[in-house]
N, C-alpha and C. Protein backbone atom coordinates (compact mmCIF):
# COMPACT_ATOMS: atom_id res chain seq x y z
N UNK A 1 178.93 -56.62 -198.79
CA UNK A 1 178.42 -55.46 -199.50
C UNK A 1 177.04 -55.80 -200.06
N UNK A 2 176.15 -54.84 -200.01
CA UNK A 2 174.80 -55.04 -200.52
C UNK A 2 174.82 -55.14 -202.03
N UNK A 3 173.90 -55.95 -202.57
CA UNK A 3 173.78 -56.06 -204.02
C UNK A 3 172.95 -54.89 -204.54
N UNK A 4 173.42 -54.32 -205.63
CA UNK A 4 172.71 -53.21 -206.24
C UNK A 4 171.77 -53.71 -207.32
N UNK A 5 170.53 -53.25 -207.27
CA UNK A 5 169.55 -53.58 -208.31
C UNK A 5 169.72 -52.59 -209.46
N UNK A 6 169.02 -52.82 -210.53
CA UNK A 6 169.06 -51.88 -211.65
C UNK A 6 168.54 -50.52 -211.19
N UNK A 7 167.51 -50.52 -210.38
CA UNK A 7 166.97 -49.27 -209.82
C UNK A 7 168.07 -48.51 -209.06
N UNK A 8 168.80 -49.22 -208.22
CA UNK A 8 169.88 -48.60 -207.44
C UNK A 8 170.94 -48.00 -208.36
N UNK A 9 171.32 -48.74 -209.40
CA UNK A 9 172.34 -48.26 -210.32
C UNK A 9 171.86 -47.03 -211.10
N UNK A 10 170.59 -46.98 -211.42
CA UNK A 10 170.03 -45.79 -212.08
C UNK A 10 170.10 -44.59 -211.14
N UNK A 11 169.73 -44.80 -209.89
CA UNK A 11 169.81 -43.72 -208.89
C UNK A 11 171.25 -43.26 -208.74
N UNK A 12 172.19 -44.19 -208.65
CA UNK A 12 173.61 -43.85 -208.50
C UNK A 12 174.09 -43.05 -209.70
N UNK A 13 173.71 -43.47 -210.90
CA UNK A 13 174.11 -42.73 -212.11
C UNK A 13 173.50 -41.33 -212.12
N UNK A 14 172.24 -41.22 -211.72
CA UNK A 14 171.59 -39.90 -211.69
C UNK A 14 172.24 -38.98 -210.66
N UNK A 15 172.53 -39.49 -209.48
CA UNK A 15 173.15 -38.67 -208.44
C UNK A 15 174.56 -38.24 -208.86
N UNK A 16 175.27 -39.14 -209.53
CA UNK A 16 176.61 -38.79 -210.02
C UNK A 16 176.53 -37.64 -211.02
N UNK A 17 175.61 -37.77 -211.96
CA UNK A 17 175.46 -36.74 -212.99
C UNK A 17 174.98 -35.41 -212.40
N UNK A 18 174.04 -35.47 -211.48
CA UNK A 18 173.54 -34.23 -210.87
C UNK A 18 174.62 -33.53 -210.06
N UNK A 19 175.44 -34.30 -209.36
CA UNK A 19 176.54 -33.72 -208.59
C UNK A 19 177.53 -32.98 -209.47
N UNK A 20 177.81 -33.52 -210.63
CA UNK A 20 178.74 -32.87 -211.57
C UNK A 20 178.05 -31.69 -212.26
N UNK A 21 176.79 -31.86 -212.61
CA UNK A 21 176.07 -30.81 -213.34
C UNK A 21 175.87 -29.54 -212.51
N UNK A 22 175.76 -29.68 -211.19
CA UNK A 22 175.48 -28.52 -210.35
C UNK A 22 176.74 -27.70 -210.07
N UNK A 23 177.92 -28.30 -210.23
CA UNK A 23 179.18 -27.59 -209.91
C UNK A 23 179.35 -26.28 -210.66
N UNK A 24 179.17 -26.23 -211.98
CA UNK A 24 179.38 -24.96 -212.68
C UNK A 24 178.39 -23.86 -212.27
N UNK A 25 177.29 -24.25 -211.67
CA UNK A 25 176.29 -23.27 -211.23
C UNK A 25 176.64 -22.74 -209.84
N UNK A 26 176.98 -23.64 -208.93
CA UNK A 26 177.22 -23.28 -207.53
C UNK A 26 178.62 -22.70 -207.31
N UNK A 27 179.63 -23.24 -207.99
CA UNK A 27 181.03 -22.85 -207.73
C UNK A 27 181.27 -21.35 -207.85
N UNK A 28 180.83 -20.67 -208.92
CA UNK A 28 181.10 -19.23 -209.00
C UNK A 28 180.47 -18.44 -207.85
N UNK A 29 179.28 -18.84 -207.44
CA UNK A 29 178.62 -18.15 -206.32
C UNK A 29 179.41 -18.34 -205.02
N UNK A 30 179.87 -19.56 -204.79
CA UNK A 30 180.64 -19.84 -203.58
C UNK A 30 181.97 -19.11 -203.59
N UNK A 31 182.60 -18.99 -204.76
CA UNK A 31 183.90 -18.30 -204.84
C UNK A 31 183.77 -16.81 -204.54
N UNK A 32 182.64 -16.24 -204.88
CA UNK A 32 182.41 -14.82 -204.56
C UNK A 32 182.42 -14.63 -203.04
N UNK A 33 181.73 -15.51 -202.34
CA UNK A 33 181.64 -15.40 -200.88
C UNK A 33 182.96 -15.80 -200.22
N UNK A 34 183.53 -16.93 -200.64
CA UNK A 34 184.73 -17.44 -199.97
C UNK A 34 185.97 -16.61 -200.28
N UNK A 35 185.99 -15.95 -201.43
CA UNK A 35 187.14 -15.12 -201.79
C UNK A 35 187.40 -14.01 -200.79
N UNK A 36 186.34 -13.49 -200.20
CA UNK A 36 186.47 -12.43 -199.22
C UNK A 36 187.15 -12.93 -197.93
N UNK A 37 187.02 -14.23 -197.67
CA UNK A 37 187.59 -14.80 -196.46
C UNK A 37 188.88 -15.57 -196.72
N UNK A 38 189.32 -15.57 -197.96
CA UNK A 38 190.59 -16.19 -198.37
C UNK A 38 190.68 -17.68 -198.07
N UNK A 39 189.61 -18.42 -198.33
CA UNK A 39 189.67 -19.87 -198.27
C UNK A 39 188.99 -20.44 -199.51
N UNK A 40 189.32 -21.67 -199.87
CA UNK A 40 188.79 -22.25 -201.11
C UNK A 40 187.26 -22.33 -201.12
N UNK A 41 186.69 -21.96 -202.26
CA UNK A 41 185.23 -21.95 -202.42
C UNK A 41 184.62 -23.33 -202.33
N UNK A 42 185.41 -24.37 -202.64
CA UNK A 42 184.90 -25.73 -202.57
C UNK A 42 184.47 -26.13 -201.17
N UNK A 43 185.09 -25.56 -200.16
CA UNK A 43 184.70 -25.86 -198.77
C UNK A 43 183.28 -25.40 -198.50
N UNK A 44 182.94 -24.24 -199.05
CA UNK A 44 181.59 -23.69 -198.87
C UNK A 44 180.58 -24.39 -199.77
N UNK A 45 180.92 -24.55 -201.03
CA UNK A 45 179.99 -25.13 -202.00
C UNK A 45 179.92 -26.65 -201.87
N UNK A 46 180.89 -27.25 -201.21
CA UNK A 46 180.95 -28.71 -201.11
C UNK A 46 179.71 -29.36 -200.54
N UNK A 47 179.01 -28.67 -199.68
CA UNK A 47 177.78 -29.23 -199.13
C UNK A 47 176.76 -29.52 -200.21
N UNK A 48 176.74 -28.69 -201.23
CA UNK A 48 175.81 -28.92 -202.34
C UNK A 48 176.32 -30.00 -203.28
N UNK A 49 177.65 -30.14 -203.39
CA UNK A 49 178.20 -31.22 -204.22
C UNK A 49 177.99 -32.57 -203.52
N UNK A 50 178.28 -32.58 -202.23
CA UNK A 50 178.25 -33.84 -201.48
C UNK A 50 176.83 -34.28 -201.14
N UNK A 51 175.90 -33.35 -201.22
CA UNK A 51 174.50 -33.67 -200.96
C UNK A 51 174.04 -34.85 -201.82
N UNK A 52 174.54 -34.93 -203.04
CA UNK A 52 174.10 -35.97 -203.98
C UNK A 52 174.59 -37.35 -203.54
N UNK A 53 175.75 -37.42 -202.91
CA UNK A 53 176.24 -38.70 -202.40
C UNK A 53 175.33 -39.18 -201.27
N UNK A 54 175.00 -38.27 -200.36
CA UNK A 54 174.16 -38.60 -199.22
C UNK A 54 172.74 -38.95 -199.70
N UNK A 55 172.23 -38.19 -200.65
CA UNK A 55 170.90 -38.46 -201.19
C UNK A 55 170.85 -39.83 -201.86
N UNK A 56 171.89 -40.16 -202.62
CA UNK A 56 171.93 -41.47 -203.26
C UNK A 56 171.84 -42.60 -202.25
N UNK A 57 172.60 -42.49 -201.16
CA UNK A 57 172.56 -43.51 -200.11
C UNK A 57 171.20 -43.50 -199.42
N UNK A 58 170.65 -42.31 -199.22
CA UNK A 58 169.34 -42.21 -198.59
C UNK A 58 168.24 -42.88 -199.41
N UNK A 59 168.38 -42.84 -200.72
CA UNK A 59 167.38 -43.46 -201.60
C UNK A 59 167.59 -44.96 -201.70
N UNK A 60 168.84 -45.38 -201.92
CA UNK A 60 169.08 -46.82 -202.12
C UNK A 60 169.16 -47.59 -200.81
N UNK A 61 169.73 -46.96 -199.79
CA UNK A 61 169.93 -47.65 -198.52
C UNK A 61 171.01 -48.71 -198.57
N UNK A 62 171.80 -48.70 -199.64
CA UNK A 62 172.83 -49.73 -199.83
C UNK A 62 174.21 -49.19 -199.48
N UNK A 63 174.93 -49.95 -198.66
CA UNK A 63 176.29 -49.56 -198.29
C UNK A 63 177.17 -49.56 -199.55
N UNK A 64 178.05 -48.58 -199.61
CA UNK A 64 178.92 -48.44 -200.76
C UNK A 64 178.39 -47.48 -201.81
N UNK A 65 177.16 -47.02 -201.61
CA UNK A 65 176.55 -46.12 -202.60
C UNK A 65 177.33 -44.82 -202.73
N UNK A 66 177.71 -44.22 -201.62
CA UNK A 66 178.41 -42.93 -201.68
C UNK A 66 179.78 -43.09 -202.35
N UNK A 67 180.46 -44.18 -202.06
CA UNK A 67 181.75 -44.45 -202.70
C UNK A 67 181.57 -44.60 -204.21
N UNK A 68 180.55 -45.34 -204.60
CA UNK A 68 180.30 -45.57 -206.02
C UNK A 68 179.92 -44.28 -206.74
N UNK A 69 179.11 -43.45 -206.12
CA UNK A 69 178.75 -42.16 -206.73
C UNK A 69 180.01 -41.31 -206.92
N UNK A 70 180.83 -41.22 -205.88
CA UNK A 70 182.07 -40.45 -205.99
C UNK A 70 183.00 -40.99 -207.05
N UNK A 71 183.09 -42.32 -207.14
CA UNK A 71 183.97 -42.93 -208.14
C UNK A 71 183.47 -42.65 -209.56
N UNK A 72 182.17 -42.76 -209.75
CA UNK A 72 181.60 -42.48 -211.08
C UNK A 72 181.81 -41.01 -211.44
N UNK A 73 181.64 -40.12 -210.47
CA UNK A 73 181.91 -38.70 -210.73
C UNK A 73 183.38 -38.51 -211.13
N UNK A 74 184.28 -39.18 -210.45
CA UNK A 74 185.70 -39.07 -210.75
C UNK A 74 186.00 -39.54 -212.17
N UNK A 75 185.39 -40.64 -212.56
CA UNK A 75 185.59 -41.16 -213.92
C UNK A 75 185.05 -40.16 -214.94
N UNK A 76 183.85 -39.62 -214.67
CA UNK A 76 183.25 -38.65 -215.61
C UNK A 76 184.13 -37.41 -215.75
N UNK A 77 184.59 -36.89 -214.64
CA UNK A 77 185.41 -35.68 -214.66
C UNK A 77 186.75 -35.94 -215.32
N UNK A 78 187.37 -37.06 -215.00
CA UNK A 78 188.67 -37.39 -215.58
C UNK A 78 188.55 -37.64 -217.08
N UNK A 79 187.52 -38.35 -217.48
CA UNK A 79 187.36 -38.71 -218.89
C UNK A 79 187.01 -37.50 -219.76
N UNK A 80 186.20 -36.60 -219.22
CA UNK A 80 185.74 -35.46 -220.02
C UNK A 80 186.53 -34.20 -219.74
N UNK A 81 187.15 -34.10 -218.57
CA UNK A 81 187.88 -32.89 -218.21
C UNK A 81 186.97 -31.69 -218.06
N UNK A 82 185.67 -31.95 -217.79
CA UNK A 82 184.72 -30.85 -217.81
C UNK A 82 184.69 -29.99 -216.55
N UNK A 83 185.07 -30.51 -215.42
CA UNK A 83 184.99 -29.73 -214.18
C UNK A 83 186.32 -29.83 -213.46
N UNK A 84 186.89 -28.71 -213.10
CA UNK A 84 188.11 -28.70 -212.32
C UNK A 84 189.35 -28.99 -213.15
N UNK A 85 190.47 -28.88 -212.51
CA UNK A 85 191.74 -29.10 -213.19
C UNK A 85 192.59 -30.10 -212.42
N UNK A 86 191.97 -31.05 -211.77
CA UNK A 86 192.70 -31.98 -210.92
C UNK A 86 193.26 -33.17 -211.69
N UNK A 87 192.80 -33.39 -212.90
CA UNK A 87 193.28 -34.51 -213.70
C UNK A 87 193.03 -35.83 -213.02
N UNK A 88 194.04 -36.70 -213.04
CA UNK A 88 193.90 -38.04 -212.49
C UNK A 88 193.72 -38.01 -210.96
N UNK A 89 194.12 -36.93 -210.31
CA UNK A 89 193.89 -36.81 -208.86
C UNK A 89 192.41 -36.71 -208.52
N UNK A 90 191.59 -36.47 -209.53
CA UNK A 90 190.13 -36.48 -209.32
C UNK A 90 189.67 -37.83 -208.78
N UNK A 91 190.35 -38.90 -209.19
CA UNK A 91 189.99 -40.22 -208.67
C UNK A 91 190.06 -40.25 -207.15
N UNK A 92 191.05 -39.58 -206.60
CA UNK A 92 191.19 -39.52 -205.15
C UNK A 92 190.23 -38.50 -204.54
N UNK A 93 190.21 -37.30 -205.08
CA UNK A 93 189.42 -36.23 -204.45
C UNK A 93 187.91 -36.43 -204.58
N UNK A 94 187.46 -37.19 -205.56
CA UNK A 94 186.02 -37.46 -205.68
C UNK A 94 185.61 -38.74 -204.98
N UNK A 95 186.50 -39.73 -204.92
CA UNK A 95 186.14 -41.02 -204.33
C UNK A 95 186.31 -41.03 -202.81
N UNK A 96 187.34 -40.37 -202.30
CA UNK A 96 187.61 -40.39 -200.86
C UNK A 96 186.44 -39.90 -200.00
N UNK A 97 185.71 -38.83 -200.40
CA UNK A 97 184.57 -38.44 -199.57
C UNK A 97 183.53 -39.54 -199.41
N UNK A 98 183.25 -40.25 -200.48
CA UNK A 98 182.29 -41.36 -200.40
C UNK A 98 182.80 -42.49 -199.52
N UNK A 99 184.09 -42.79 -199.64
CA UNK A 99 184.67 -43.86 -198.82
C UNK A 99 184.58 -43.50 -197.34
N UNK A 100 184.98 -42.26 -196.99
CA UNK A 100 184.97 -41.85 -195.59
C UNK A 100 183.54 -41.84 -195.03
N UNK A 101 182.60 -41.32 -195.79
CA UNK A 101 181.21 -41.26 -195.31
C UNK A 101 180.60 -42.67 -195.21
N UNK A 102 180.86 -43.51 -196.20
CA UNK A 102 180.35 -44.89 -196.11
C UNK A 102 180.94 -45.60 -194.89
N UNK A 103 182.23 -45.41 -194.66
CA UNK A 103 182.88 -46.03 -193.51
C UNK A 103 182.32 -45.48 -192.20
N UNK A 104 182.15 -44.15 -192.13
CA UNK A 104 181.60 -43.54 -190.92
C UNK A 104 180.21 -44.06 -190.58
N UNK A 105 179.34 -44.14 -191.58
CA UNK A 105 177.98 -44.64 -191.31
C UNK A 105 177.98 -46.14 -191.02
N UNK A 106 178.89 -46.88 -191.64
CA UNK A 106 179.02 -48.30 -191.34
C UNK A 106 179.39 -48.50 -189.87
N UNK A 107 180.35 -47.70 -189.39
CA UNK A 107 180.82 -47.84 -188.01
C UNK A 107 179.73 -47.52 -186.99
N UNK A 108 178.83 -46.60 -187.32
CA UNK A 108 177.75 -46.29 -186.36
C UNK A 108 176.47 -47.07 -186.67
N UNK A 109 176.49 -47.86 -187.76
CA UNK A 109 175.35 -48.72 -188.07
C UNK A 109 174.14 -47.99 -188.63
N UNK A 110 174.37 -46.90 -189.34
CA UNK A 110 173.26 -46.13 -189.92
C UNK A 110 173.33 -46.12 -191.44
N UNK A 111 172.21 -45.77 -192.07
CA UNK A 111 172.11 -45.75 -193.54
C UNK A 111 171.35 -44.51 -194.02
N UNK A 112 171.73 -43.34 -193.58
CA UNK A 112 171.01 -42.09 -193.88
C UNK A 112 169.54 -42.30 -193.52
N UNK A 113 169.35 -42.79 -192.31
CA UNK A 113 168.01 -43.14 -191.82
C UNK A 113 167.45 -42.09 -190.86
N UNK A 114 168.28 -41.14 -190.45
CA UNK A 114 167.85 -40.11 -189.51
C UNK A 114 168.65 -38.83 -189.77
N UNK A 115 168.16 -37.73 -189.23
CA UNK A 115 168.85 -36.45 -189.43
C UNK A 115 170.30 -36.45 -188.94
N UNK A 116 170.58 -36.97 -187.74
CA UNK A 116 171.98 -36.93 -187.28
C UNK A 116 172.95 -37.70 -188.18
N UNK A 117 172.55 -38.88 -188.66
CA UNK A 117 173.50 -39.63 -189.49
C UNK A 117 173.61 -39.01 -190.89
N UNK A 118 172.56 -38.39 -191.39
CA UNK A 118 172.64 -37.68 -192.67
C UNK A 118 173.57 -36.48 -192.54
N UNK A 119 173.44 -35.76 -191.41
CA UNK A 119 174.32 -34.62 -191.14
C UNK A 119 175.77 -35.09 -191.09
N UNK A 120 176.00 -36.19 -190.36
CA UNK A 120 177.36 -36.75 -190.23
C UNK A 120 177.91 -37.16 -191.59
N UNK A 121 177.09 -37.80 -192.41
CA UNK A 121 177.54 -38.23 -193.74
C UNK A 121 177.99 -37.03 -194.56
N UNK A 122 177.19 -35.96 -194.54
CA UNK A 122 177.55 -34.74 -195.27
C UNK A 122 178.83 -34.12 -194.74
N UNK A 123 178.97 -34.09 -193.42
CA UNK A 123 180.19 -33.55 -192.79
C UNK A 123 181.41 -34.35 -193.23
N UNK A 124 181.32 -35.67 -193.14
CA UNK A 124 182.45 -36.52 -193.49
C UNK A 124 182.82 -36.36 -194.97
N UNK A 125 181.82 -36.33 -195.83
CA UNK A 125 182.08 -36.15 -197.26
C UNK A 125 182.84 -34.85 -197.52
N UNK A 126 182.32 -33.76 -197.00
CA UNK A 126 182.89 -32.46 -197.34
C UNK A 126 184.23 -32.22 -196.66
N UNK A 127 184.40 -32.72 -195.46
CA UNK A 127 185.70 -32.59 -194.80
C UNK A 127 186.76 -33.37 -195.59
N UNK A 128 186.42 -34.57 -196.02
CA UNK A 128 187.38 -35.38 -196.78
C UNK A 128 187.77 -34.68 -198.08
N UNK A 129 186.77 -34.19 -198.81
CA UNK A 129 187.05 -33.50 -200.06
C UNK A 129 187.89 -32.25 -199.85
N UNK A 130 187.55 -31.46 -198.88
CA UNK A 130 188.27 -30.22 -198.59
C UNK A 130 189.70 -30.51 -198.13
N UNK A 131 189.87 -31.50 -197.27
CA UNK A 131 191.21 -31.84 -196.77
C UNK A 131 192.11 -32.33 -197.90
N UNK A 132 191.58 -33.15 -198.78
CA UNK A 132 192.40 -33.68 -199.88
C UNK A 132 192.78 -32.57 -200.85
N UNK A 133 191.83 -31.74 -201.22
CA UNK A 133 192.13 -30.65 -202.15
C UNK A 133 193.12 -29.68 -201.50
N UNK A 134 192.97 -29.42 -200.20
CA UNK A 134 193.91 -28.55 -199.51
C UNK A 134 195.31 -29.16 -199.52
N UNK A 135 195.40 -30.43 -199.20
CA UNK A 135 196.72 -31.08 -199.14
C UNK A 135 197.41 -31.09 -200.50
N UNK A 136 196.65 -31.38 -201.55
CA UNK A 136 197.23 -31.50 -202.88
C UNK A 136 197.55 -30.14 -203.50
N UNK A 137 196.65 -29.15 -203.31
CA UNK A 137 196.79 -27.89 -204.03
C UNK A 137 197.12 -26.67 -203.18
N UNK A 138 196.36 -26.44 -202.13
CA UNK A 138 196.43 -25.15 -201.44
C UNK A 138 197.48 -25.09 -200.35
N UNK A 139 197.57 -26.12 -199.53
CA UNK A 139 198.50 -26.12 -198.40
C UNK A 139 198.35 -24.86 -197.55
N UNK A 140 197.11 -24.65 -197.13
CA UNK A 140 196.78 -23.45 -196.34
C UNK A 140 197.50 -23.46 -194.99
N UNK A 141 197.83 -22.27 -194.48
CA UNK A 141 198.35 -22.19 -193.10
C UNK A 141 197.25 -22.58 -192.11
N UNK A 142 197.62 -22.75 -190.87
CA UNK A 142 196.73 -23.32 -189.85
C UNK A 142 195.39 -22.60 -189.72
N UNK A 143 195.38 -21.29 -189.55
CA UNK A 143 194.12 -20.59 -189.29
C UNK A 143 193.18 -20.64 -190.50
N UNK A 144 193.64 -20.34 -191.71
CA UNK A 144 192.73 -20.49 -192.85
C UNK A 144 192.29 -21.95 -193.06
N UNK A 145 193.16 -22.90 -192.74
CA UNK A 145 192.80 -24.31 -192.87
C UNK A 145 191.68 -24.68 -191.90
N UNK A 146 191.79 -24.22 -190.65
CA UNK A 146 190.74 -24.48 -189.66
C UNK A 146 189.43 -23.83 -190.10
N UNK A 147 189.51 -22.61 -190.61
CA UNK A 147 188.30 -21.94 -191.12
C UNK A 147 187.71 -22.71 -192.29
N UNK A 148 188.56 -23.18 -193.18
CA UNK A 148 188.11 -23.93 -194.34
C UNK A 148 187.46 -25.26 -193.94
N UNK A 149 188.09 -25.99 -193.05
CA UNK A 149 187.55 -27.28 -192.58
C UNK A 149 186.25 -27.06 -191.81
N UNK A 150 186.19 -26.00 -191.00
CA UNK A 150 184.96 -25.70 -190.25
C UNK A 150 183.82 -25.36 -191.19
N UNK A 151 184.12 -24.56 -192.19
CA UNK A 151 183.11 -24.21 -193.19
C UNK A 151 182.68 -25.45 -193.94
N UNK A 152 183.63 -26.31 -194.28
CA UNK A 152 183.31 -27.56 -194.97
C UNK A 152 182.40 -28.44 -194.13
N UNK A 153 182.67 -28.51 -192.83
CA UNK A 153 181.84 -29.33 -191.94
C UNK A 153 180.41 -28.80 -191.89
N UNK A 154 180.28 -27.49 -191.72
CA UNK A 154 178.94 -26.90 -191.65
C UNK A 154 178.20 -27.05 -192.98
N UNK A 155 178.87 -26.71 -194.06
CA UNK A 155 178.24 -26.81 -195.38
C UNK A 155 177.88 -28.25 -195.71
N UNK A 156 178.78 -29.19 -195.43
CA UNK A 156 178.50 -30.60 -195.68
C UNK A 156 177.35 -31.11 -194.85
N UNK A 157 177.33 -30.72 -193.57
CA UNK A 157 176.23 -31.13 -192.70
C UNK A 157 174.89 -30.62 -193.18
N UNK A 158 174.86 -29.35 -193.61
CA UNK A 158 173.60 -28.81 -194.13
C UNK A 158 173.18 -29.52 -195.41
N UNK A 159 174.15 -29.84 -196.27
CA UNK A 159 173.85 -30.62 -197.47
C UNK A 159 173.29 -31.98 -197.11
N UNK A 160 173.83 -32.60 -196.07
CA UNK A 160 173.32 -33.88 -195.60
C UNK A 160 171.89 -33.79 -195.10
N UNK A 161 171.58 -32.70 -194.39
CA UNK A 161 170.20 -32.50 -193.91
C UNK A 161 169.23 -32.32 -195.07
N UNK A 162 169.64 -31.54 -196.06
CA UNK A 162 168.79 -31.34 -197.24
C UNK A 162 168.58 -32.68 -197.95
N UNK A 163 169.64 -33.44 -198.09
CA UNK A 163 169.54 -34.76 -198.75
C UNK A 163 168.58 -35.67 -197.99
N UNK A 164 168.66 -35.66 -196.66
CA UNK A 164 167.77 -36.50 -195.86
C UNK A 164 166.32 -36.11 -196.08
N UNK A 165 166.05 -34.82 -196.06
CA UNK A 165 164.67 -34.35 -196.24
C UNK A 165 164.12 -34.72 -197.62
N UNK A 166 164.97 -34.61 -198.64
CA UNK A 166 164.54 -35.00 -199.99
C UNK A 166 164.28 -36.51 -200.04
N UNK A 167 165.20 -37.30 -199.47
CA UNK A 167 165.03 -38.75 -199.45
C UNK A 167 163.77 -39.14 -198.69
N UNK A 168 163.51 -38.45 -197.61
CA UNK A 168 162.32 -38.71 -196.80
C UNK A 168 161.06 -38.49 -197.63
N UNK A 169 161.03 -37.44 -198.42
CA UNK A 169 159.88 -37.17 -199.29
C UNK A 169 159.77 -38.22 -200.40
N UNK A 170 160.91 -38.62 -200.95
CA UNK A 170 160.90 -39.61 -202.03
C UNK A 170 160.45 -40.98 -201.55
N UNK A 171 160.68 -41.29 -200.29
CA UNK A 171 160.26 -42.59 -199.75
C UNK A 171 158.75 -42.74 -199.71
N UNK A 172 158.03 -41.64 -199.81
CA UNK A 172 156.57 -41.70 -199.80
C UNK A 172 156.00 -42.25 -201.12
N UNK A 173 156.82 -42.21 -202.17
CA UNK A 173 156.38 -42.71 -203.47
C UNK A 173 156.72 -44.19 -203.59
N UNK A 174 155.83 -44.97 -204.22
CA UNK A 174 156.15 -46.40 -204.38
C UNK A 174 157.30 -46.59 -205.37
N UNK A 175 158.14 -47.57 -205.08
CA UNK A 175 159.27 -47.89 -205.95
C UNK A 175 158.78 -48.85 -207.02
N UNK A 176 159.09 -48.55 -208.27
CA UNK A 176 158.76 -49.46 -209.36
C UNK A 176 159.83 -50.52 -209.45
N UNK A 177 159.43 -51.72 -209.71
CA UNK A 177 160.39 -52.79 -209.88
C UNK A 177 160.89 -52.74 -211.32
N UNK A 178 162.12 -52.28 -211.50
CA UNK A 178 162.68 -52.16 -212.84
C UNK A 178 163.25 -53.49 -213.33
N UNK A 179 163.33 -54.48 -212.47
CA UNK A 179 163.81 -55.78 -212.88
C UNK A 179 162.78 -56.49 -213.75
N UNK A 180 161.51 -56.37 -213.37
CA UNK A 180 160.42 -56.99 -214.15
C UNK A 180 159.33 -55.94 -214.36
N UNK A 181 159.43 -55.15 -215.43
CA UNK A 181 158.44 -54.08 -215.64
C UNK A 181 157.04 -54.63 -215.86
N UNK A 182 156.10 -53.88 -215.32
CA UNK A 182 154.71 -54.27 -215.47
C UNK A 182 154.17 -53.77 -216.79
N UNK A 183 153.15 -54.46 -217.31
CA UNK A 183 152.52 -54.04 -218.55
C UNK A 183 151.50 -52.96 -218.21
N UNK A 184 151.78 -51.72 -218.62
CA UNK A 184 150.88 -50.62 -218.29
C UNK A 184 149.82 -50.40 -219.35
N UNK A 185 149.90 -51.12 -220.45
CA UNK A 185 148.95 -50.90 -221.55
C UNK A 185 147.63 -51.63 -221.35
N UNK A 186 147.54 -52.56 -220.42
CA UNK A 186 146.30 -53.30 -220.30
C UNK A 186 145.23 -52.60 -219.56
C-alpha cells in the first residue's frame, strides 16, 4: 500500500467531507426524478456522491484512497447520524464502493490516470453502493433492480468523468510540500 503524506490525508479528509456535504443538496433533486420511475434516488444521485472518491484518488494517485474516503464518510455519518438512516450499516454501504473501485483499478493497473479508468472507477463505486443499499433495504424485483443498477452505472461513470476532468485541471497547479512548509515572509 502506498504511504499517505499529510497532503494526501488533507485531500482525503476534504473529499470525505465534500461527499457528505453534497448529499442533502443533490438527494432531493434525484428523488424527484427517480420517484417517477420507481427506483431509489441514490442510484441516480450516486454519481455525484461517488465522484469525490474518484477525485480523491485522481489527486493523490495513491491506492486505497477511495476505500479510505468511503470509510471516513461512514465514520462521519455513523457518528453524527446526519445523513441517511442506515446506522451502523453505513460502514458497509459507504466503504464497499471504495473497496470495489480500488480493487478494480488495481486489477487493471490504473490510478484514475485516463478517462476510461475514471469512468470505470465511478461505475464500480456507484454499482457497489446501489447493490448494497438495494440488498439491505429495498429488495427490488428484477426489472426495477436492472433499471436501478443501469442508472447507477451511468451516473457513476459520469461522476467518474467529471472527477477526472477536475483532477486533470488540478494537476496543472504545483503541489505545496506540507511536510516542510516554506517561509513565505522573506
